[in-house]
Amino acid sequence: MITIAIPGFGELALDYLIADYNGTLACDGRLLAGVSQKLRRLSKKLTIHVLTADTFGTCATELARLPVQVAVMPPRNQDRAKAAHIKKLGARRCVCIGNGRNDVAMLRGCGLGIAVINDEGASAAACAAADIVARDILSALDLLAYPQRLVATLRA
């Protein structure tokens, strides 16, 4: 669990990290360099779920040795499926990271939403729905490893 009080934003009590796969943790179906080490470290504090359309069919192989739970989303209404997944866990207890239009509902509905801009870019809607926009996934994951950074960014 990660707990932190952010003046003007509120108290965060996060139990789950929910991440999109392609465009967020991976590019062209391959896990980005450095992500596996950061996920292993964060798994000591947060239960990690990866939600994916698995466009390239590589997610299970790429994440096989990591302490994550993978859920493949249906081809239609992925935004609703992702939102339903976090609601089932307790949305306010989730930090969600994504980059696409299908991530908007989960970014908007969770306790802390982080949009990332990797090589694939990020949809304007995802950036608008997020509480924070990070330059890449490694920076986003470091916000959770060093939560005082959240205070610096989110305080009113």
N, C-alpha and C. Protein backbone atom coordinates (compact mmCIF):
# COMPACT_ATOMS: atom_id res chain seq x y z
N MET A 1 0.84 -1.18 0.00
CA MET A 1 0.00 0.00 0.00
C MET A 1 0.88 1.24 0.00
N ILE A 2 0.42 2.24 -0.72
CA ILE A 2 1.05 3.56 -0.70
C ILE A 2 0.02 4.53 -0.17
N THR A 3 0.38 5.22 0.91
CA THR A 3 -0.50 6.25 1.44
C THR A 3 0.26 7.56 1.49
N ILE A 4 -0.42 8.61 1.10
CA ILE A 4 0.20 9.93 1.14
C ILE A 4 -0.89 10.99 1.14
N ALA A 5 -0.69 12.00 1.96
CA ALA A 5 -1.61 13.13 2.01
C ALA A 5 -1.07 14.23 1.10
N ILE A 6 -1.94 14.74 0.24
CA ILE A 6 -1.54 15.78 -0.71
C ILE A 6 -2.43 17.00 -0.45
N PRO A 7 -1.84 18.07 0.07
CA PRO A 7 -2.63 19.27 0.36
C PRO A 7 -3.43 19.75 -0.86
N GLY A 8 -4.73 19.93 -0.67
CA GLY A 8 -5.59 20.40 -1.74
C GLY A 8 -6.04 19.32 -2.70
N PHE A 9 -5.46 18.13 -2.62
CA PHE A 9 -5.84 17.01 -3.49
C PHE A 9 -6.53 15.92 -2.67
N GLY A 10 -6.00 15.68 -1.48
CA GLY A 10 -6.59 14.68 -0.59
C GLY A 10 -5.62 13.60 -0.21
N GLU A 11 -6.14 12.63 0.49
CA GLU A 11 -5.36 11.49 0.97
C GLU A 11 -5.47 10.36 -0.04
N LEU A 12 -4.33 9.83 -0.45
CA LEU A 12 -4.32 8.66 -1.32
C LEU A 12 -3.99 7.44 -0.49
N ALA A 13 -4.76 6.39 -0.67
CA ALA A 13 -4.50 5.08 -0.05
C ALA A 13 -4.62 4.08 -1.19
N LEU A 14 -3.49 3.77 -1.81
CA LEU A 14 -3.46 2.97 -3.03
C LEU A 14 -3.00 1.54 -2.77
N ASP A 15 -3.81 0.59 -3.23
CA ASP A 15 -3.47 -0.83 -3.09
C ASP A 15 -3.14 -1.47 -4.43
N TYR A 16 -3.61 -0.85 -5.53
CA TYR A 16 -3.49 -1.47 -6.85
C TYR A 16 -2.86 -0.50 -7.86
N LEU A 17 -1.98 -1.04 -8.67
CA LEU A 17 -1.47 -0.36 -9.84
C LEU A 17 -2.09 -1.05 -11.05
N ILE A 18 -2.84 -0.28 -11.83
CA ILE A 18 -3.49 -0.80 -13.03
C ILE A 18 -2.82 -0.12 -14.21
N ALA A 19 -2.25 -0.91 -15.11
CA ALA A 19 -1.54 -0.33 -16.25
C ALA A 19 -2.04 -0.92 -17.56
N ASP A 20 -2.16 -0.06 -18.53
CA ASP A 20 -2.36 -0.47 -19.91
C ASP A 20 -1.04 -1.12 -20.38
N TYR A 21 -1.10 -1.94 -21.41
CA TYR A 21 0.12 -2.59 -21.89
C TYR A 21 0.74 -1.85 -23.08
N ASN A 22 0.14 -1.99 -24.27
CA ASN A 22 0.73 -1.37 -25.46
C ASN A 22 0.61 0.14 -25.42
N GLY A 23 1.72 0.80 -25.65
CA GLY A 23 1.77 2.25 -25.60
C GLY A 23 2.08 2.78 -24.21
N THR A 24 1.94 1.93 -23.20
CA THR A 24 2.19 2.34 -21.82
C THR A 24 3.39 1.59 -21.26
N LEU A 25 3.26 0.28 -21.09
CA LEU A 25 4.38 -0.54 -20.61
C LEU A 25 5.23 -1.08 -21.75
N ALA A 26 4.67 -1.08 -22.95
CA ALA A 26 5.32 -1.72 -24.10
C ALA A 26 5.17 -0.87 -25.35
N CYS A 27 6.03 -1.14 -26.31
CA CYS A 27 5.94 -0.53 -27.63
C CYS A 27 6.05 -1.66 -28.65
N ASP A 28 5.13 -1.66 -29.59
CA ASP A 28 5.09 -2.71 -30.62
C ASP A 28 5.07 -4.11 -30.00
N GLY A 29 4.40 -4.24 -28.86
CA GLY A 29 4.22 -5.53 -28.22
C GLY A 29 5.37 -5.97 -27.31
N ARG A 30 6.44 -5.20 -27.25
CA ARG A 30 7.61 -5.56 -26.43
C ARG A 30 7.72 -4.65 -25.22
N LEU A 31 7.92 -5.26 -24.06
CA LEU A 31 8.07 -4.52 -22.81
C LEU A 31 9.25 -3.54 -22.95
N LEU A 32 9.04 -2.32 -22.52
CA LEU A 32 10.09 -1.31 -22.62
C LEU A 32 11.21 -1.58 -21.61
N ALA A 33 12.42 -1.20 -21.97
CA ALA A 33 13.59 -1.39 -21.12
C ALA A 33 13.39 -0.70 -19.77
N GLY A 34 13.73 -1.40 -18.70
CA GLY A 34 13.65 -0.86 -17.35
C GLY A 34 12.32 -1.05 -16.65
N VAL A 35 11.28 -1.38 -17.40
CA VAL A 35 9.94 -1.52 -16.81
C VAL A 35 9.87 -2.72 -15.86
N SER A 36 10.44 -3.85 -16.26
CA SER A 36 10.32 -5.06 -15.43
C SER A 36 10.92 -4.85 -14.04
N GLN A 37 12.07 -4.19 -13.95
CA GLN A 37 12.69 -3.95 -12.64
C GLN A 37 11.81 -3.05 -11.77
N LYS A 38 11.25 -2.02 -12.38
CA LYS A 38 10.41 -1.10 -11.61
C LYS A 38 9.11 -1.78 -11.16
N LEU A 39 8.53 -2.62 -12.00
CA LEU A 39 7.32 -3.35 -11.61
C LEU A 39 7.62 -4.33 -10.47
N ARG A 40 8.74 -5.00 -10.53
CA ARG A 40 9.11 -5.91 -9.44
C ARG A 40 9.21 -5.15 -8.12
N ARG A 41 9.85 -4.00 -8.15
CA ARG A 41 10.02 -3.20 -6.94
C ARG A 41 8.67 -2.72 -6.42
N LEU A 42 7.83 -2.22 -7.31
CA LEU A 42 6.52 -1.71 -6.89
C LEU A 42 5.57 -2.82 -6.43
N SER A 43 5.80 -4.05 -6.89
CA SER A 43 4.92 -5.15 -6.48
C SER A 43 5.04 -5.46 -4.99
N LYS A 44 6.04 -4.93 -4.34
CA LYS A 44 6.16 -5.10 -2.89
C LYS A 44 5.18 -4.19 -2.15
N LYS A 45 4.69 -3.14 -2.83
CA LYS A 45 3.76 -2.20 -2.22
C LYS A 45 2.36 -2.26 -2.82
N LEU A 46 2.26 -2.62 -4.10
CA LEU A 46 0.99 -2.59 -4.81
C LEU A 46 0.76 -3.90 -5.55
N THR A 47 -0.49 -4.32 -5.62
CA THR A 47 -0.87 -5.45 -6.48
C THR A 47 -1.01 -4.89 -7.89
N ILE A 48 -0.35 -5.51 -8.85
CA ILE A 48 -0.29 -4.95 -10.20
C ILE A 48 -1.17 -5.75 -11.15
N HIS A 49 -2.03 -5.01 -11.86
CA HIS A 49 -2.88 -5.58 -12.91
C HIS A 49 -2.52 -4.91 -14.23
N VAL A 50 -2.38 -5.69 -15.28
CA VAL A 50 -2.16 -5.16 -16.62
C VAL A 50 -3.40 -5.47 -17.44
N LEU A 51 -4.00 -4.40 -17.98
CA LEU A 51 -5.20 -4.53 -18.79
C LEU A 51 -4.81 -4.25 -20.24
N THR A 52 -5.17 -5.14 -21.14
CA THR A 52 -4.66 -5.03 -22.50
C THR A 52 -5.64 -5.57 -23.53
N ALA A 53 -5.55 -5.03 -24.73
CA ALA A 53 -6.22 -5.63 -25.89
C ALA A 53 -5.31 -6.71 -26.48
N ASP A 54 -4.06 -6.70 -26.07
CA ASP A 54 -3.02 -7.63 -26.55
C ASP A 54 -2.95 -7.63 -28.08
N THR A 55 -2.88 -6.46 -28.63
CA THR A 55 -2.85 -6.24 -30.08
C THR A 55 -1.82 -7.12 -30.79
N PHE A 56 -0.66 -7.28 -30.19
CA PHE A 56 0.43 -8.03 -30.83
C PHE A 56 0.51 -9.48 -30.36
N GLY A 57 -0.34 -9.87 -29.40
CA GLY A 57 -0.33 -11.25 -28.90
C GLY A 57 0.90 -11.62 -28.10
N THR A 58 1.59 -10.64 -27.55
CA THR A 58 2.86 -10.89 -26.85
C THR A 58 2.80 -10.66 -25.34
N CYS A 59 1.69 -10.16 -24.86
CA CYS A 59 1.61 -9.73 -23.46
C CYS A 59 1.93 -10.86 -22.47
N ALA A 60 1.33 -12.01 -22.64
CA ALA A 60 1.55 -13.12 -21.70
C ALA A 60 3.02 -13.53 -21.66
N THR A 61 3.65 -13.60 -22.80
CA THR A 61 5.07 -13.98 -22.86
C THR A 61 5.95 -12.90 -22.24
N GLU A 62 5.69 -11.66 -22.60
CA GLU A 62 6.52 -10.55 -22.11
C GLU A 62 6.42 -10.37 -20.59
N LEU A 63 5.26 -10.67 -20.03
CA LEU A 63 5.04 -10.45 -18.59
C LEU A 63 5.12 -11.73 -17.75
N ALA A 64 5.45 -12.85 -18.38
CA ALA A 64 5.39 -14.16 -17.72
C ALA A 64 6.16 -14.24 -16.42
N ARG A 65 7.28 -13.60 -16.30
CA ARG A 65 8.12 -13.73 -15.10
C ARG A 65 7.93 -12.59 -14.11
N LEU A 66 6.91 -11.77 -14.35
CA LEU A 66 6.69 -10.62 -13.48
C LEU A 66 5.50 -10.86 -12.55
N PRO A 67 5.52 -10.24 -11.38
CA PRO A 67 4.42 -10.40 -10.41
C PRO A 67 3.23 -9.51 -10.76
N VAL A 68 2.59 -9.84 -11.89
CA VAL A 68 1.44 -9.07 -12.36
C VAL A 68 0.31 -10.01 -12.74
N GLN A 69 -0.90 -9.48 -12.68
CA GLN A 69 -2.07 -10.20 -13.18
C GLN A 69 -2.47 -9.55 -14.50
N VAL A 70 -2.70 -10.37 -15.52
CA VAL A 70 -3.03 -9.86 -16.84
C VAL A 70 -4.49 -10.15 -17.15
N ALA A 71 -5.17 -9.14 -17.66
CA ALA A 71 -6.55 -9.31 -18.12
C ALA A 71 -6.64 -8.78 -19.55
N VAL A 72 -7.06 -9.64 -20.47
CA VAL A 72 -7.23 -9.23 -21.86
C VAL A 72 -8.65 -8.70 -22.03
N MET A 73 -8.73 -7.49 -22.53
CA MET A 73 -10.00 -6.81 -22.70
C MET A 73 -10.68 -7.27 -24.00
N PRO A 74 -12.01 -7.22 -24.03
CA PRO A 74 -12.74 -7.61 -25.25
C PRO A 74 -12.45 -6.60 -26.36
N PRO A 75 -12.66 -6.99 -27.62
CA PRO A 75 -12.36 -6.08 -28.72
C PRO A 75 -13.22 -4.81 -28.74
N ARG A 76 -14.42 -4.88 -28.20
CA ARG A 76 -15.30 -3.71 -28.17
C ARG A 76 -15.47 -3.20 -26.74
N ASN A 77 -15.72 -1.91 -26.64
CA ASN A 77 -15.99 -1.28 -25.34
C ASN A 77 -14.89 -1.51 -24.32
N GLN A 78 -13.65 -1.43 -24.77
CA GLN A 78 -12.53 -1.63 -23.86
C GLN A 78 -12.51 -0.58 -22.75
N ASP A 79 -12.91 0.63 -23.08
CA ASP A 79 -12.94 1.67 -22.06
C ASP A 79 -13.86 1.28 -20.91
N ARG A 80 -15.02 0.73 -21.24
CA ARG A 80 -15.97 0.30 -20.20
C ARG A 80 -15.43 -0.91 -19.43
N ALA A 81 -14.79 -1.82 -20.13
CA ALA A 81 -14.23 -3.02 -19.47
C ALA A 81 -13.13 -2.62 -18.48
N LYS A 82 -12.29 -1.68 -18.86
CA LYS A 82 -11.23 -1.23 -17.96
C LYS A 82 -11.83 -0.52 -16.74
N ALA A 83 -12.83 0.32 -16.97
CA ALA A 83 -13.49 1.01 -15.86
C ALA A 83 -14.17 0.02 -14.92
N ALA A 84 -14.79 -1.01 -15.48
CA ALA A 84 -15.44 -2.03 -14.65
C ALA A 84 -14.41 -2.79 -13.82
N HIS A 85 -13.24 -3.04 -14.40
CA HIS A 85 -12.19 -3.77 -13.69
C HIS A 85 -11.75 -2.99 -12.44
N ILE A 86 -11.51 -1.69 -12.59
CA ILE A 86 -11.07 -0.93 -11.42
C ILE A 86 -12.20 -0.74 -10.41
N LYS A 87 -13.42 -0.66 -10.90
CA LYS A 87 -14.56 -0.53 -9.98
C LYS A 87 -14.67 -1.77 -9.10
N LYS A 88 -14.42 -2.93 -9.70
CA LYS A 88 -14.48 -4.19 -8.95
C LYS A 88 -13.41 -4.23 -7.85
N LEU A 89 -12.27 -3.63 -8.11
CA LEU A 89 -11.18 -3.61 -7.12
C LEU A 89 -11.39 -2.54 -6.05
N GLY A 90 -12.16 -1.54 -6.39
CA GLY A 90 -12.30 -0.36 -5.53
C GLY A 90 -11.54 0.78 -6.18
N ALA A 91 -12.19 1.51 -7.05
CA ALA A 91 -11.53 2.48 -7.93
C ALA A 91 -10.66 3.49 -7.17
N ARG A 92 -11.11 3.95 -6.02
CA ARG A 92 -10.33 4.95 -5.27
C ARG A 92 -9.03 4.37 -4.74
N ARG A 93 -8.91 3.05 -4.69
CA ARG A 93 -7.70 2.39 -4.21
C ARG A 93 -6.73 2.07 -5.34
N CYS A 94 -7.06 2.53 -6.56
CA CYS A 94 -6.26 2.23 -7.75
C CYS A 94 -5.52 3.45 -8.25
N VAL A 95 -4.26 3.24 -8.63
CA VAL A 95 -3.54 4.20 -9.46
C VAL A 95 -3.52 3.57 -10.84
N CYS A 96 -3.94 4.33 -11.85
CA CYS A 96 -4.03 3.81 -13.21
C CYS A 96 -3.09 4.57 -14.12
N ILE A 97 -2.43 3.83 -15.00
CA ILE A 97 -1.50 4.43 -15.95
C ILE A 97 -1.90 3.98 -17.35
N GLY A 98 -2.04 4.95 -18.25
CA GLY A 98 -2.40 4.62 -19.62
C GLY A 98 -2.07 5.75 -20.56
N ASN A 99 -2.33 5.52 -21.84
CA ASN A 99 -2.03 6.54 -22.85
C ASN A 99 -3.12 6.70 -23.91
N GLY A 100 -4.05 5.77 -23.97
CA GLY A 100 -4.99 5.75 -25.09
C GLY A 100 -6.39 6.21 -24.74
N ARG A 101 -7.18 6.38 -25.79
CA ARG A 101 -8.59 6.75 -25.59
C ARG A 101 -9.34 5.70 -24.79
N ASN A 102 -8.94 4.44 -24.95
CA ASN A 102 -9.63 3.39 -24.20
C ASN A 102 -9.22 3.37 -22.72
N ASP A 103 -8.32 4.25 -22.32
CA ASP A 103 -7.90 4.37 -20.92
C ASP A 103 -8.59 5.53 -20.19
N VAL A 104 -9.33 6.35 -20.92
CA VAL A 104 -9.90 7.57 -20.36
C VAL A 104 -10.79 7.29 -19.15
N ALA A 105 -11.71 6.37 -19.25
CA ALA A 105 -12.64 6.11 -18.15
C ALA A 105 -11.91 5.64 -16.89
N MET A 106 -10.91 4.78 -17.04
CA MET A 106 -10.19 4.33 -15.85
C MET A 106 -9.31 5.44 -15.28
N LEU A 107 -8.72 6.27 -16.14
CA LEU A 107 -7.90 7.38 -15.65
C LEU A 107 -8.75 8.39 -14.89
N ARG A 108 -9.95 8.61 -15.36
CA ARG A 108 -10.85 9.57 -14.73
C ARG A 108 -11.46 9.00 -13.44
N GLY A 109 -11.70 7.69 -13.40
CA GLY A 109 -12.45 7.11 -12.29
C GLY A 109 -11.63 6.58 -11.13
N CYS A 110 -10.32 6.59 -11.24
CA CYS A 110 -9.48 5.98 -10.20
C CYS A 110 -9.03 7.00 -9.15
N GLY A 111 -8.33 6.52 -8.15
CA GLY A 111 -7.80 7.40 -7.11
C GLY A 111 -6.73 8.33 -7.63
N LEU A 112 -5.89 7.84 -8.54
CA LEU A 112 -4.82 8.63 -9.14
C LEU A 112 -4.63 8.16 -10.58
N GLY A 113 -4.80 9.05 -11.53
CA GLY A 113 -4.64 8.72 -12.94
C GLY A 113 -3.39 9.36 -13.50
N ILE A 114 -2.57 8.55 -14.18
CA ILE A 114 -1.33 9.05 -14.78
C ILE A 114 -1.33 8.68 -16.26
N ALA A 115 -1.26 9.69 -17.11
CA ALA A 115 -1.11 9.46 -18.56
C ALA A 115 0.38 9.50 -18.88
N VAL A 116 0.79 8.64 -19.80
CA VAL A 116 2.20 8.62 -20.21
C VAL A 116 2.32 8.88 -21.70
N ILE A 117 3.44 9.50 -22.06
CA ILE A 117 3.73 9.78 -23.45
C ILE A 117 5.02 9.05 -23.80
N ASN A 118 4.86 7.87 -24.38
CA ASN A 118 6.02 7.11 -24.86
C ASN A 118 6.11 7.31 -26.37
N ASP A 119 6.80 6.42 -27.06
CA ASP A 119 6.96 6.53 -28.51
C ASP A 119 5.64 6.51 -29.26
N GLU A 120 4.64 5.86 -28.69
CA GLU A 120 3.33 5.77 -29.33
C GLU A 120 2.52 7.06 -29.16
N GLY A 121 2.96 7.93 -28.27
CA GLY A 121 2.22 9.14 -27.97
C GLY A 121 1.12 8.88 -26.97
N ALA A 122 0.29 9.87 -26.75
CA ALA A 122 -0.84 9.75 -25.83
C ALA A 122 -2.01 10.51 -26.43
N SER A 123 -3.21 9.98 -26.27
CA SER A 123 -4.38 10.68 -26.78
C SER A 123 -4.61 11.92 -25.92
N ALA A 124 -5.12 12.97 -26.55
CA ALA A 124 -5.43 14.19 -25.82
C ALA A 124 -6.47 13.92 -24.74
N ALA A 125 -7.40 13.02 -25.04
CA ALA A 125 -8.44 12.68 -24.07
C ALA A 125 -7.85 12.01 -22.83
N ALA A 126 -6.86 11.13 -23.02
CA ALA A 126 -6.20 10.48 -21.87
C ALA A 126 -5.46 11.51 -21.03
N CYS A 127 -4.77 12.42 -21.68
CA CYS A 127 -4.04 13.46 -20.94
C CYS A 127 -5.00 14.34 -20.15
N ALA A 128 -6.13 14.68 -20.74
CA ALA A 128 -7.12 15.53 -20.06
C ALA A 128 -7.77 14.80 -18.88
N ALA A 129 -7.92 13.49 -18.99
CA ALA A 129 -8.58 12.71 -17.93
C ALA A 129 -7.67 12.42 -16.75
N ALA A 130 -6.36 12.45 -16.97
CA ALA A 130 -5.39 12.08 -15.94
C ALA A 130 -5.17 13.21 -14.94
N ASP A 131 -4.72 12.83 -13.75
CA ASP A 131 -4.30 13.82 -12.75
C ASP A 131 -2.91 14.34 -13.05
N ILE A 132 -2.08 13.48 -13.64
CA ILE A 132 -0.69 13.81 -13.96
C ILE A 132 -0.39 13.27 -15.36
N VAL A 133 0.43 13.99 -16.10
CA VAL A 133 0.96 13.50 -17.37
C VAL A 133 2.47 13.36 -17.19
N ALA A 134 2.98 12.15 -17.43
CA ALA A 134 4.41 11.88 -17.30
C ALA A 134 5.03 11.71 -18.68
N ARG A 135 6.31 12.05 -18.79
CA ARG A 135 6.97 12.01 -20.10
C ARG A 135 7.17 10.60 -20.61
N ASP A 136 7.18 9.60 -19.70
CA ASP A 136 7.33 8.21 -20.12
C ASP A 136 6.97 7.30 -18.95
N ILE A 137 6.93 6.01 -19.21
CA ILE A 137 6.51 5.05 -18.19
C ILE A 137 7.48 4.98 -17.02
N LEU A 138 8.77 5.10 -17.27
CA LEU A 138 9.73 5.02 -16.17
C LEU A 138 9.53 6.18 -15.20
N SER A 139 9.28 7.37 -15.73
CA SER A 139 8.99 8.53 -14.87
C SER A 139 7.70 8.32 -14.10
N ALA A 140 6.69 7.76 -14.75
CA ALA A 140 5.42 7.51 -14.09
C ALA A 140 5.58 6.52 -12.94
N LEU A 141 6.31 5.45 -13.17
CA LEU A 141 6.52 4.45 -12.12
C LEU A 141 7.36 5.02 -10.97
N ASP A 142 8.28 5.91 -11.29
CA ASP A 142 9.07 6.56 -10.24
C ASP A 142 8.22 7.47 -9.36
N LEU A 143 7.13 8.02 -9.89
CA LEU A 143 6.23 8.81 -9.04
C LEU A 143 5.68 7.95 -7.90
N LEU A 144 5.51 6.66 -8.16
CA LEU A 144 4.99 5.75 -7.13
C LEU A 144 6.10 5.25 -6.23
N ALA A 145 7.30 5.09 -6.77
CA ALA A 145 8.44 4.66 -5.96
C ALA A 145 8.87 5.77 -5.00
N TYR A 146 8.68 7.02 -5.42
CA TYR A 146 9.05 8.19 -4.63
C TYR A 146 7.83 9.10 -4.51
N PRO A 147 6.85 8.72 -3.66
CA PRO A 147 5.56 9.40 -3.64
C PRO A 147 5.60 10.87 -3.25
N GLN A 148 6.66 11.36 -2.65
CA GLN A 148 6.73 12.80 -2.37
C GLN A 148 6.70 13.61 -3.65
N ARG A 149 7.07 13.01 -4.76
CA ARG A 149 6.98 13.69 -6.06
C ARG A 149 5.52 14.00 -6.40
N LEU A 150 4.61 13.13 -5.94
CA LEU A 150 3.19 13.37 -6.16
C LEU A 150 2.74 14.65 -5.46
N VAL A 151 3.26 14.86 -4.26
CA VAL A 151 2.92 16.06 -3.50
C VAL A 151 3.38 17.30 -4.27
N ALA A 152 4.59 17.26 -4.77
CA ALA A 152 5.13 18.41 -5.49
C ALA A 152 4.30 18.74 -6.73
N THR A 153 3.75 17.71 -7.38
CA THR A 153 2.99 17.92 -8.60
C THR A 153 1.51 18.25 -8.36
N LEU A 154 0.90 17.65 -7.36
CA LEU A 154 -0.56 17.73 -7.20
C LEU A 154 -1.05 18.71 -6.13
N ARG A 155 -0.20 19.19 -5.27
CA ARG A 155 -0.70 20.06 -4.19
C ARG A 155 -1.29 21.34 -4.77
N ALA A 156 -2.26 21.85 -4.03
CA ALA A 156 -2.94 23.08 -4.48
C ALA A 156 -2.25 24.29 -3.92
